[in-house]
Amino acid sequence: MAPATERRSERVLADVPVMVRGQSAGEGSFQEETFTVTVNAHGAMVMLAANVALGQSITLVRLNDLAERDCRIAFRGRDHAGLAQVGLEFLEPSPGFWPVDAPASWLGA
């Protein structure tokens, strides 16, 4: 995800149940159920226990209907209580992926 000064689409607070699948740094494959903190047309911020690295490819699955998007890790914050804030960036913008009312800024995504 781009830094806040270069945000391509507005963030929306949304608690969406998701699963993240990929390879954990040095620990093999992982599959983790979690939730979004914010979403936008270009990805989401989630809370993850898995050890992931910037630029790493993962798959994001929306649990309510199993829709999937390929993503890359764009941000990884420090661990807090075993979880880190992790920014996921869709490989292609997907403004219709999230079950929220899309802000006008998403229309040009």
PDB file of N, CA and C in Angstrom:
ATOM      1  N   MET A   1       0.840  -1.167   0.000  1.00  0.00           N
ATOM      2  CA  MET A   1       0.000   0.000   0.000  1.00  0.00           C
ATOM      3  C   MET A   1       0.888   1.232   0.000  1.00  0.00           C
ATOM      4  N   ALA A   2       0.466   2.244  -0.701  1.00  0.00           N
ATOM      5  CA  ALA A   2       1.250   3.466  -0.777  1.00  0.00           C
ATOM      6  C   ALA A   2       1.219   4.204   0.553  1.00  0.00           C
ATOM      7  N   PRO A   3       2.264   4.990   0.860  1.00  0.00           N
ATOM      8  CA  PRO A   3       2.227   5.793   2.077  1.00  0.00           C
ATOM      9  C   PRO A   3       1.010   6.712   2.077  1.00  0.00           C
ATOM     10  N   ALA A   4       0.584   7.142   3.265  1.00  0.00           N
ATOM     11  CA  ALA A   4      -0.637   7.936   3.405  1.00  0.00           C
ATOM     12  C   ALA A   4      -0.645   9.159   2.508  1.00  0.00           C
ATOM     13  N   THR A   5       0.516   9.774   2.258  1.00  0.00           N
ATOM     14  CA  THR A   5       0.560  10.969   1.423  1.00  0.00           C
ATOM     15  C   THR A   5       0.328  10.639  -0.046  1.00  0.00           C
ATOM     16  N   GLU A   6       0.444   9.396  -0.427  1.00  0.00           N
ATOM     17  CA  GLU A   6       0.261   8.974  -1.810  1.00  0.00           C
ATOM     18  C   GLU A   6      -0.878   7.962  -1.940  1.00  0.00           C
ATOM     19  N   ARG A   7      -1.815   7.962  -1.005  1.00  0.00           N
ATOM     20  CA  ARG A   7      -2.887   6.981  -0.986  1.00  0.00           C
ATOM     21  C   ARG A   7      -3.664   7.005  -2.297  1.00  0.00           C
ATOM     22  N   ARG A   8      -3.810   5.864  -2.927  1.00  0.00           N
ATOM     23  CA  ARG A   8      -4.519   5.762  -4.205  1.00  0.00           C
ATOM     24  C   ARG A   8      -6.017   5.674  -4.038  1.00  0.00           C
ATOM     25  N   SER A   9      -6.471   5.148  -2.904  1.00  0.00           N
ATOM     26  CA  SER A   9      -7.907   5.081  -2.623  1.00  0.00           C
ATOM     27  C   SER A   9      -8.110   5.168  -1.120  1.00  0.00           C
ATOM     28  N   GLU A  10      -9.205   5.794  -0.748  1.00  0.00           N
ATOM     29  CA  GLU A  10      -9.524   6.043   0.650  1.00  0.00           C
ATOM     30  C   GLU A  10      -9.678   4.748   1.439  1.00  0.00           C
ATOM     31  N   ARG A  11      -9.144   4.745   2.652  1.00  0.00           N
ATOM     32  CA  ARG A  11      -9.321   3.598   3.550  1.00  0.00           C
ATOM     33  C   ARG A  11     -10.700   3.673   4.201  1.00  0.00           C
ATOM     34  N   VAL A  12     -11.281   2.503   4.424  1.00  0.00           N
ATOM     35  CA  VAL A  12     -12.565   2.396   5.102  1.00  0.00           C
ATOM     36  C   VAL A  12     -12.386   1.400   6.244  1.00  0.00           C
ATOM     37  N   LEU A  13     -12.800   1.785   7.462  1.00  0.00           N
ATOM     38  CA  LEU A  13     -12.758   0.840   8.577  1.00  0.00           C
ATOM     39  C   LEU A  13     -13.752  -0.280   8.292  1.00  0.00           C
ATOM     40  N   ALA A  14     -13.288  -1.508   8.335  1.00  0.00           N
ATOM     41  CA  ALA A  14     -14.165  -2.649   8.057  1.00  0.00           C
ATOM     42  C   ALA A  14     -13.572  -3.903   8.683  1.00  0.00           C
ATOM     43  N   ASP A  15     -14.384  -4.589   9.458  1.00  0.00           N
ATOM     44  CA  ASP A  15     -13.989  -5.843  10.089  1.00  0.00           C
ATOM     45  C   ASP A  15     -14.572  -6.971   9.237  1.00  0.00           C
ATOM     46  N   VAL A  16     -13.778  -7.435   8.268  1.00  0.00           N
ATOM     47  CA  VAL A  16     -14.216  -8.475   7.341  1.00  0.00           C
ATOM     48  C   VAL A  16     -13.430  -9.747   7.651  1.00  0.00           C
ATOM     49  N   PRO A  17     -14.100 -10.867   7.925  1.00  0.00           N
ATOM     50  CA  PRO A  17     -13.377 -12.113   8.175  1.00  0.00           C
ATOM     51  C   PRO A  17     -12.708 -12.614   6.888  1.00  0.00           C
ATOM     52  N   VAL A  18     -11.416 -12.904   6.997  1.00  0.00           N
ATOM     53  CA  VAL A  18     -10.636 -13.345   5.839  1.00  0.00           C
ATOM     54  C   VAL A  18      -9.701 -14.473   6.253  1.00  0.00           C
ATOM     55  N   MET A  19      -9.169 -15.153   5.253  1.00  0.00           N
ATOM     56  CA  MET A  19      -8.101 -16.124   5.448  1.00  0.00           C
ATOM     57  C   MET A  19      -6.938 -15.676   4.578  1.00  0.00           C
ATOM     58  N   VAL A  20      -5.750 -15.796   5.126  1.00  0.00           N
ATOM     59  CA  VAL A  20      -4.535 -15.467   4.386  1.00  0.00           C
ATOM     60  C   VAL A  20      -3.745 -16.757   4.241  1.00  0.00           C
ATOM     61  N   ARG A  21      -3.354 -17.059   2.987  1.00  0.00           N
ATOM     62  CA  ARG A  21      -2.558 -18.266   2.711  1.00  0.00           C
ATOM     63  C   ARG A  21      -1.257 -17.861   2.045  1.00  0.00           C
ATOM     64  N   GLY A  22      -0.179 -18.562   2.411  1.00  0.00           N
ATOM     65  CA  GLY A  22       1.100 -18.283   1.776  1.00  0.00           C
ATOM     66  C   GLY A  22       2.205 -19.093   2.409  1.00  0.00           C
ATOM     67  N   GLN A  23       3.424 -18.609   2.215  1.00  0.00           N
ATOM     68  CA  GLN A  23       4.607 -19.233   2.804  1.00  0.00           C
ATOM     69  C   GLN A  23       5.098 -18.335   3.923  1.00  0.00           C
ATOM     70  N   SER A  24       5.259 -18.892   5.106  1.00  0.00           N
ATOM     71  CA  SER A  24       5.770 -18.146   6.246  1.00  0.00           C
ATOM     72  C   SER A  24       7.290 -18.156   6.174  1.00  0.00           C
ATOM     73  N   ALA A  25       7.902 -17.011   6.419  1.00  0.00           N
ATOM     74  CA  ALA A  25       9.355 -16.884   6.318  1.00  0.00           C
ATOM     75  C   ALA A  25      10.045 -17.940   7.174  1.00  0.00           C
ATOM     76  N   GLY A  26      10.690 -18.900   6.528  1.00  0.00           N
ATOM     77  CA  GLY A  26      11.441 -19.932   7.216  1.00  0.00           C
ATOM     78  C   GLY A  26      10.621 -21.011   7.900  1.00  0.00           C
ATOM     79  N   GLU A  27       9.286 -20.973   7.769  1.00  0.00           N
ATOM     80  CA  GLU A  27       8.458 -21.930   8.498  1.00  0.00           C
ATOM     81  C   GLU A  27       7.512 -22.719   7.604  1.00  0.00           C
ATOM     82  N   GLY A  28       7.657 -22.640   6.305  1.00  0.00           N
ATOM     83  CA  GLY A  28       6.786 -23.382   5.401  1.00  0.00           C
ATOM     84  C   GLY A  28       5.472 -22.668   5.147  1.00  0.00           C
ATOM     85  N   SER A  29       4.513 -23.405   4.600  1.00  0.00           N
ATOM     86  CA  SER A  29       3.239 -22.797   4.227  1.00  0.00           C
ATOM     87  C   SER A  29       2.373 -22.544   5.463  1.00  0.00           C
ATOM     88  N   PHE A  30       1.489 -21.559   5.337  1.00  0.00           N
ATOM     89  CA  PHE A  30       0.565 -21.250   6.426  1.00  0.00           C
ATOM     90  C   PHE A  30      -0.798 -20.910   5.849  1.00  0.00           C
ATOM     91  N   GLN A  31      -1.784 -21.023   6.677  1.00  0.00           N
ATOM     92  CA  GLN A  31      -3.168 -20.642   6.379  1.00  0.00           C
ATOM     93  C   GLN A  31      -3.718 -20.095   7.686  1.00  0.00           C
ATOM     94  N   GLU A  32      -4.103 -18.823   7.706  1.00  0.00           N
ATOM     95  CA  GLU A  32      -4.509 -18.179   8.953  1.00  0.00           C
ATOM     96  C   GLU A  32      -5.816 -17.413   8.776  1.00  0.00           C
ATOM     97  N   GLU A  33      -6.798 -17.729   9.612  1.00  0.00           N
ATOM     98  CA  GLU A  33      -8.033 -16.953   9.632  1.00  0.00           C
ATOM     99  C   GLU A  33      -7.796 -15.707  10.466  1.00  0.00           C
ATOM    100  N   THR A  34      -8.233 -14.560   9.951  1.00  0.00           N
ATOM    101  CA  THR A  34      -8.043 -13.306  10.645  1.00  0.00           C
ATOM    102  C   THR A  34      -9.140 -12.337  10.219  1.00  0.00           C
ATOM    103  N   PHE A  35      -8.886 -11.040  10.296  1.00  0.00           N
ATOM    104  CA  PHE A  35      -9.884 -10.035   9.962  1.00  0.00           C
ATOM    105  C   PHE A  35      -9.187  -8.787   9.445  1.00  0.00           C
ATOM    106  N   THR A  36      -9.929  -7.989   8.709  1.00  0.00           N
ATOM    107  CA  THR A  36      -9.388  -6.726   8.230  1.00  0.00           C
ATOM    108  C   THR A  36      -9.592  -5.653   9.291  1.00  0.00           C
ATOM    109  N   VAL A  37      -8.709  -4.681   9.280  1.00  0.00           N
ATOM    110  CA  VAL A  37      -8.847  -3.489  10.109  1.00  0.00           C
ATOM    111  C   VAL A  37      -9.377  -2.363   9.231  1.00  0.00           C
ATOM    112  N   THR A  38      -8.743  -2.195   8.074  1.00  0.00           N
ATOM    113  CA  THR A  38      -9.206  -1.251   7.057  1.00  0.00           C
ATOM    114  C   THR A  38      -9.143  -1.938   5.699  1.00  0.00           C
ATOM    115  N   VAL A  39      -9.947  -1.436   4.770  1.00  0.00           N
ATOM    116  CA  VAL A  39      -9.932  -1.937   3.397  1.00  0.00           C
ATOM    117  C   VAL A  39      -9.918  -0.738   2.461  1.00  0.00           C
ATOM    118  N   ASN A  40      -9.459  -0.957   1.231  1.00  0.00           N
ATOM    119  CA  ASN A  40      -9.575   0.038   0.175  1.00  0.00           C
ATOM    120  C   ASN A  40      -9.568  -0.680  -1.158  1.00  0.00           C
ATOM    121  N   ALA A  41      -9.666   0.061  -2.229  1.00  0.00           N
ATOM    122  CA  ALA A  41      -9.747  -0.540  -3.558  1.00  0.00           C
ATOM    123  C   ALA A  41      -8.479  -1.292  -3.950  1.00  0.00           C
ATOM    124  N   HIS A  42      -7.391  -1.034  -3.227  1.00  0.00           N
ATOM    125  CA  HIS A  42      -6.100  -1.621  -3.573  1.00  0.00           C
ATOM    126  C   HIS A  42      -5.619  -2.672  -2.587  1.00  0.00           C
ATOM    127  N   GLY A  43      -6.424  -2.983  -1.545  1.00  0.00           N
ATOM    128  CA  GLY A  43      -6.000  -3.997  -0.588  1.00  0.00           C
ATOM    129  C   GLY A  43      -6.639  -3.839   0.760  1.00  0.00           C
ATOM    130  N   ALA A  44      -5.849  -4.169   1.809  1.00  0.00           N
ATOM    131  CA  ALA A  44      -6.387  -4.140   3.176  1.00  0.00           C
ATOM    132  C   ALA A  44      -5.259  -4.153   4.192  1.00  0.00           C
ATOM    133  N   MET A  45      -5.607  -3.787   5.406  1.00  0.00           N
ATOM    134  CA  MET A  45      -4.730  -3.957   6.556  1.00  0.00           C
ATOM    135  C   MET A  45      -5.354  -5.069   7.386  1.00  0.00           C
ATOM    136  N   VAL A  46      -4.571  -6.090   7.706  1.00  0.00           N
ATOM    137  CA  VAL A  46      -5.056  -7.219   8.502  1.00  0.00           C
ATOM    138  C   VAL A  46      -4.133  -7.421   9.691  1.00  0.00           C
ATOM    139  N   MET A  47      -4.584  -8.221  10.628  1.00  0.00           N
ATOM    140  CA  MET A  47      -3.764  -8.618  11.770  1.00  0.00           C
ATOM    141  C   MET A  47      -3.312 -10.058  11.523  1.00  0.00           C
ATOM    142  N   LEU A  48      -1.996 -10.310  11.579  1.00  0.00           N
ATOM    143  CA  LEU A  48      -1.463 -11.639  11.277  1.00  0.00           C
ATOM    144  C   LEU A  48      -0.467 -12.095  12.335  1.00  0.00           C
ATOM    145  N   ALA A  49      -0.518 -13.376  12.654  1.00  0.00           N
ATOM    146  CA  ALA A  49       0.483 -14.002  13.508  1.00  0.00           C
ATOM    147  C   ALA A  49       1.614 -14.588  12.663  1.00  0.00           C
ATOM    148  N   ALA A  50       1.322 -14.940  11.409  1.00  0.00           N
ATOM    149  CA  ALA A  50       2.326 -15.561  10.531  1.00  0.00           C
ATOM    150  C   ALA A  50       3.483 -14.604  10.283  1.00  0.00           C
ATOM    151  N   ASN A  51       4.662 -15.160  10.156  1.00  0.00           N
ATOM    152  CA  ASN A  51       5.866 -14.384   9.880  1.00  0.00           C
ATOM    153  C   ASN A  51       5.983 -14.184   8.369  1.00  0.00           C
ATOM    154  N   VAL A  52       5.647 -12.983   7.901  1.00  0.00           N
ATOM    155  CA  VAL A  52       5.682 -12.675   6.474  1.00  0.00           C
ATOM    156  C   VAL A  52       6.676 -11.558   6.213  1.00  0.00           C
ATOM    157  N   ALA A  53       7.105 -11.432   4.959  1.00  0.00           N
ATOM    158  CA  ALA A  53       8.119 -10.450   4.591  1.00  0.00           C
ATOM    159  C   ALA A  53       7.593  -9.500   3.517  1.00  0.00           C
ATOM    160  N   LEU A  54       8.122  -8.296   3.492  1.00  0.00           N
ATOM    161  CA  LEU A  54       7.734  -7.326   2.471  1.00  0.00           C
ATOM    162  C   LEU A  54       7.943  -7.899   1.072  1.00  0.00           C
ATOM    163  N   GLY A  55       6.979  -7.658   0.205  1.00  0.00           N
ATOM    164  CA  GLY A  55       7.060  -8.126  -1.175  1.00  0.00           C
ATOM    165  C   GLY A  55       6.598  -9.546  -1.388  1.00  0.00           C
ATOM    166  N   GLN A  56       6.401 -10.280  -0.319  1.00  0.00           N
ATOM    167  CA  GLN A  56       5.993 -11.682  -0.414  1.00  0.00           C
ATOM    168  C   GLN A  56       4.608 -11.807  -1.040  1.00  0.00           C
ATOM    169  N   SER A  57       4.396 -12.823  -1.848  1.00  0.00           N
ATOM    170  CA  SER A  57       3.091 -13.107  -2.452  1.00  0.00           C
ATOM    171  C   SER A  57       2.254 -13.956  -1.507  1.00  0.00           C
ATOM    172  N   ILE A  58       0.962 -13.601  -1.392  1.00  0.00           N
ATOM    173  CA  ILE A  58       0.023 -14.371  -0.580  1.00  0.00           C
ATOM    174  C   ILE A  58      -1.327 -14.383  -1.301  1.00  0.00           C
ATOM    175  N   THR A  59      -2.235 -15.193  -0.808  1.00  0.00           N
ATOM    176  CA  THR A  59      -3.605 -15.216  -1.311  1.00  0.00           C
ATOM    177  C   THR A  59      -4.526 -14.804  -0.175  1.00  0.00           C
ATOM    178  N   LEU A  60      -5.443 -13.894  -0.471  1.00  0.00           N
ATOM    179  CA  LEU A  60      -6.435 -13.418   0.489  1.00  0.00           C
ATOM    180  C   LEU A  60      -7.780 -14.003   0.107  1.00  0.00           C
ATOM    181  N   VAL A  61      -8.480 -14.608   1.063  1.00  0.00           N
ATOM    182  CA  VAL A  61      -9.773 -15.241   0.810  1.00  0.00           C
ATOM    183  C   VAL A  61     -10.813 -14.585   1.715  1.00  0.00           C
ATOM    184  N   ARG A  62     -11.889 -14.082   1.140  1.00  0.00           N
ATOM    185  CA  ARG A  62     -13.018 -13.549   1.912  1.00  0.00           C
ATOM    186  C   ARG A  62     -13.818 -14.746   2.400  1.00  0.00           C
ATOM    187  N   LEU A  63     -13.970 -14.910   3.706  1.00  0.00           N
ATOM    188  CA  LEU A  63     -14.562 -16.130   4.246  1.00  0.00           C
ATOM    189  C   LEU A  63     -16.063 -16.260   4.010  1.00  0.00           C
ATOM    190  N   ASN A  64     -16.779 -15.150   3.831  1.00  0.00           N
ATOM    191  CA  ASN A  64     -18.229 -15.277   3.656  1.00  0.00           C
ATOM    192  C   ASN A  64     -18.615 -15.927   2.339  1.00  0.00           C
ATOM    193  N   ASP A  65     -17.771 -15.814   1.297  1.00  0.00           N
ATOM    194  CA  ASP A  65     -18.124 -16.408   0.001  1.00  0.00           C
ATOM    195  C   ASP A  65     -16.938 -17.058  -0.712  1.00  0.00           C
ATOM    196  N   LEU A  66     -15.778 -17.102  -0.062  1.00  0.00           N
ATOM    197  CA  LEU A  66     -14.553 -17.735  -0.565  1.00  0.00           C
ATOM    198  C   LEU A  66     -13.973 -17.074  -1.814  1.00  0.00           C
ATOM    199  N   ALA A  67     -14.353 -15.811  -2.077  1.00  0.00           N
ATOM    200  CA  ALA A  67     -13.728 -15.057  -3.175  1.00  0.00           C
ATOM    201  C   ALA A  67     -12.258 -14.830  -2.816  1.00  0.00           C
ATOM    202  N   GLU A  68     -11.371 -14.917  -3.814  1.00  0.00           N
ATOM    203  CA  GLU A  68      -9.928 -14.821  -3.582  1.00  0.00           C
ATOM    204  C   GLU A  68      -9.309 -13.708  -4.408  1.00  0.00           C
ATOM    205  N   ARG A  69      -8.215 -13.158  -3.880  1.00  0.00           N
ATOM    206  CA  ARG A  69      -7.390 -12.203  -4.617  1.00  0.00           C
ATOM    207  C   ARG A  69      -5.937 -12.509  -4.285  1.00  0.00           C
ATOM    208  N   ASP A  70      -5.088 -12.439  -5.305  1.00  0.00           N
ATOM    209  CA  ASP A  70      -3.652 -12.546  -5.088  1.00  0.00           C
ATOM    210  C   ASP A  70      -3.155 -11.182  -4.641  1.00  0.00           C
ATOM    211  N   CYS A  71      -2.256 -11.205  -3.660  1.00  0.00           N
ATOM    212  CA  CYS A  71      -1.750  -9.970  -3.061  1.00  0.00           C
ATOM    213  C   CYS A  71      -0.251 -10.087  -2.831  1.00  0.00           C
ATOM    214  N   ARG A  72       0.311  -8.968  -2.442  1.00  0.00           N
ATOM    215  CA  ARG A  72       1.695  -8.957  -1.962  1.00  0.00           C
ATOM    216  C   ARG A  72       1.712  -8.214  -0.638  1.00  0.00           C
ATOM    217  N   ILE A  73       2.700  -8.525   0.197  1.00  0.00           N
ATOM    218  CA  ILE A  73       2.858  -7.841   1.476  1.00  0.00           C
ATOM    219  C   ILE A  73       3.503  -6.482   1.185  1.00  0.00           C
ATOM    220  N   ALA A  74       2.779  -5.400   1.513  1.00  0.00           N
ATOM    221  CA  ALA A  74       3.257  -4.049   1.249  1.00  0.00           C
ATOM    222  C   ALA A  74       3.735  -3.345   2.514  1.00  0.00           C
ATOM    223  N   PHE A  75       3.366  -3.861   3.680  1.00  0.00           N
ATOM    224  CA  PHE A  75       3.734  -3.252   4.954  1.00  0.00           C
ATOM    225  C   PHE A  75       3.669  -4.323   6.033  1.00  0.00           C
ATOM    226  N   ARG A  76       4.606  -4.266   6.962  1.00  0.00           N
ATOM    227  CA  ARG A  76       4.540  -5.153   8.126  1.00  0.00           C
ATOM    228  C   ARG A  76       4.976  -4.358   9.340  1.00  0.00           C
ATOM    229  N   GLY A  77       4.055  -4.182  10.269  1.00  0.00           N
ATOM    230  CA  GLY A  77       4.357  -3.473  11.503  1.00  0.00           C
ATOM    231  C   GLY A  77       4.982  -4.403  12.530  1.00  0.00           C
ATOM    232  N   ARG A  78       5.329  -3.829  13.663  1.00  0.00           N
ATOM    233  CA  ARG A  78       5.899  -4.623  14.753  1.00  0.00           C
ATOM    234  C   ARG A  78       4.831  -5.516  15.377  1.00  0.00           C
ATOM    235  N   ASP A  79       5.276  -6.615  15.974  1.00  0.00           N
ATOM    236  CA  ASP A  79       4.365  -7.529  16.672  1.00  0.00           C
ATOM    237  C   ASP A  79       3.861  -6.906  17.965  1.00  0.00           C
ATOM    238  N   HIS A  80       2.579  -7.113  18.233  1.00  0.00           N
ATOM    239  CA  HIS A  80       1.949  -6.721  19.492  1.00  0.00           C
ATOM    240  C   HIS A  80       1.065  -7.873  19.922  1.00  0.00           C
ATOM    241  N   ALA A  81       1.368  -8.473  21.058  1.00  0.00           N
ATOM    242  CA  ALA A  81       0.592  -9.605  21.580  1.00  0.00           C
ATOM    243  C   ALA A  81       0.506 -10.735  20.556  1.00  0.00           C
ATOM    244  N   GLY A  82       1.602 -10.961  19.838  1.00  0.00           N
ATOM    245  CA  GLY A  82       1.647 -12.071  18.889  1.00  0.00           C
ATOM    246  C   GLY A  82       1.073 -11.793  17.520  1.00  0.00           C
ATOM    247  N   LEU A  83       0.561 -10.576  17.289  1.00  0.00           N
ATOM    248  CA  LEU A  83      -0.001 -10.218  15.982  1.00  0.00           C
ATOM    249  C   LEU A  83       0.690  -8.968  15.453  1.00  0.00           C
ATOM    250  N   ALA A  84       0.791  -8.865  14.138  1.00  0.00           N
ATOM    251  CA  ALA A  84       1.339  -7.669  13.498  1.00  0.00           C
ATOM    252  C   ALA A  84       0.311  -7.105  12.531  1.00  0.00           C
ATOM    253  N   GLN A  85       0.283  -5.781  12.408  1.00  0.00           N
ATOM    254  CA  GLN A  85      -0.519  -5.170  11.352  1.00  0.00           C
ATOM    255  C   GLN A  85       0.230  -5.412  10.055  1.00  0.00           C
ATOM    256  N   VAL A  86      -0.477  -5.955   9.070  1.00  0.00           N
ATOM    257  CA  VAL A  86       0.141  -6.276   7.789  1.00  0.00           C
ATOM    258  C   VAL A  86      -0.694  -5.660   6.682  1.00  0.00           C
ATOM    259  N   GLY A  87      -0.039  -4.860   5.844  1.00  0.00           N
ATOM    260  CA  GLY A  87      -0.701  -4.251   4.706  1.00  0.00           C
ATOM    261  C   GLY A  87      -0.606  -5.161   3.499  1.00  0.00           C
ATOM    262  N   LEU A  88      -1.758  -5.485   2.925  1.00  0.00           N
ATOM    263  CA  LEU A  88      -1.826  -6.341   1.743  1.00  0.00           C
ATOM    264  C   LEU A  88      -2.226  -5.494   0.545  1.00  0.00           C
ATOM    265  N   GLU A  89      -1.521  -5.644  -0.549  1.00  0.00           N
ATOM    266  CA  GLU A  89      -1.832  -4.914  -1.775  1.00  0.00           C
ATOM    267  C   GLU A  89      -2.281  -5.903  -2.846  1.00  0.00           C
ATOM    268  N   PHE A  90      -3.491  -5.691  -3.393  1.00  0.00           N
ATOM    269  CA  PHE A  90      -3.958  -6.521  -4.497  1.00  0.00           C
ATOM    270  C   PHE A  90      -2.995  -6.374  -5.666  1.00  0.00           C
ATOM    271  N   LEU A  91      -2.786  -7.458  -6.427  1.00  0.00           N
ATOM    272  CA  LEU A  91      -1.956  -7.355  -7.620  1.00  0.00           C
ATOM    273  C   LEU A  91      -2.644  -6.506  -8.683  1.00  0.00           C
ATOM    274  N   GLU A  92      -3.975  -6.486  -8.662  1.00  0.00           N
ATOM    275  CA  GLU A  92      -4.772  -5.613  -9.533  1.00  0.00           C
ATOM    276  C   GLU A  92      -5.848  -4.963  -8.674  1.00  0.00           C
ATOM    277  N   PRO A  93      -6.112  -3.647  -8.845  1.00  0.00           N
ATOM    278  CA  PRO A  93      -7.150  -2.996  -8.044  1.00  0.00           C
ATOM    279  C   PRO A  93      -8.475  -3.751  -8.136  1.00  0.00           C
ATOM    280  N   SER A  94      -9.166  -3.849  -7.007  1.00  0.00           N
ATOM    281  CA  SER A  94     -10.439  -4.575  -6.930  1.00  0.00           C
ATOM    282  C   SER A  94     -11.427  -3.797  -6.071  1.00  0.00           C
ATOM    283  N   PRO A  95     -11.919  -2.647  -6.559  1.00  0.00           N
ATOM    284  CA  PRO A  95     -12.810  -1.834  -5.732  1.00  0.00           C
ATOM    285  C   PRO A  95     -14.111  -2.528  -5.345  1.00  0.00           C
ATOM    286  N   GLY A  96     -14.564  -3.525  -6.085  1.00  0.00           N
ATOM    287  CA  GLY A  96     -15.807  -4.217  -5.763  1.00  0.00           C
ATOM    288  C   GLY A  96     -15.628  -5.435  -4.865  1.00  0.00           C
ATOM    289  N   PHE A  97     -14.410  -5.714  -4.430  1.00  0.00           N
ATOM    290  CA  PHE A  97     -14.143  -6.915  -3.647  1.00  0.00           C
ATOM    291  C   PHE A  97     -14.708  -6.839  -2.231  1.00  0.00           C
ATOM    292  N   TRP A  98     -14.681  -5.670  -1.627  1.00  0.00           N
ATOM    293  CA  TRP A  98     -15.074  -5.546  -0.224  1.00  0.00           C
ATOM    294  C   TRP A  98     -16.556  -5.271  -0.072  1.00  0.00           C
ATOM    295  N   PRO A  99     -17.200  -5.859   0.949  1.00  0.00           N
ATOM    296  CA  PRO A  99     -18.633  -5.663   1.184  1.00  0.00           C
ATOM    297  C   PRO A  99     -18.908  -4.363   1.952  1.00  0.00           C
ATOM    298  N   VAL A 100     -18.498  -3.243   1.342  1.00  0.00           N
ATOM    299  CA  VAL A 100     -18.703  -1.919   1.950  1.00  0.00           C
ATOM    300  C   VAL A 100     -19.208  -0.974   0.871  1.00  0.00           C
ATOM    301  N   ASP A 101     -19.801   0.132   1.309  1.00  0.00           N
ATOM    302  CA  ASP A 101     -20.166   1.181   0.368  1.00  0.00           C
ATOM    303  C   ASP A 101     -18.873   1.854  -0.073  1.00  0.00           C
ATOM    304  N   ALA A 102     -18.564   1.764  -1.350  1.00  0.00           N
ATOM    305  CA  ALA A 102     -17.306   2.281  -1.871  1.00  0.00           C
ATOM    306  C   ALA A 102     -17.312   3.808  -1.931  1.00  0.00           C
ATOM    307  N   PRO A 103     -16.281   4.441  -1.354  1.00  0.00           N
ATOM    308  CA  PRO A 103     -16.169   5.893  -1.470  1.00  0.00           C
ATOM    309  C   PRO A 103     -15.904   6.292  -2.920  1.00  0.00           C
ATOM    310  N   ALA A 104     -16.153   7.543  -3.242  1.00  0.00           N
ATOM    311  CA  ALA A 104     -15.951   8.040  -4.606  1.00  0.00           C
ATOM    312  C   ALA A 104     -14.515   7.847  -5.080  1.00  0.00           C
ATOM    313  N   SER A 105     -13.554   7.892  -4.143  1.00  0.00           N
ATOM    314  CA  SER A 105     -12.138   7.751  -4.523  1.00  0.00           C
ATOM    315  C   SER A 105     -11.835   6.372  -5.113  1.00  0.00           C
ATOM    316  N   TRP A 106     -12.698   5.384  -4.869  1.00  0.00           N
ATOM    317  CA  TRP A 106     -12.454   4.044  -5.395  1.00  0.00           C
ATOM    318  C   TRP A 106     -12.839   3.940  -6.864  1.00  0.00           C
ATOM    319  N   LEU A 107     -13.657   4.837  -7.348  1.00  0.00           N
ATOM    320  CA  LEU A 107     -14.169   4.734  -8.718  1.00  0.00           C
ATOM    321  C   LEU A 107     -13.068   4.831  -9.756  1.00  0.00           C
ATOM    322  N   GLY A 108     -12.020   5.561  -9.475  1.00  0.00           N
ATOM    323  CA  GLY A 108     -10.928   5.692 -10.425  1.00  0.00           C
ATOM    324  C   GLY A 108      -9.793   4.724 -10.165  1.00  0.00           C
ATOM    325  N   ALA A 109     -10.025   3.737  -9.306  1.00  0.00           N
ATOM    326  CA  ALA A 109      -8.950   2.807  -8.898  1.00  0.00           C
ATOM    327  C   ALA A 109      -8.365   2.052 -10.050  1.00  0.00           C
TER     328      ALA A 109
END
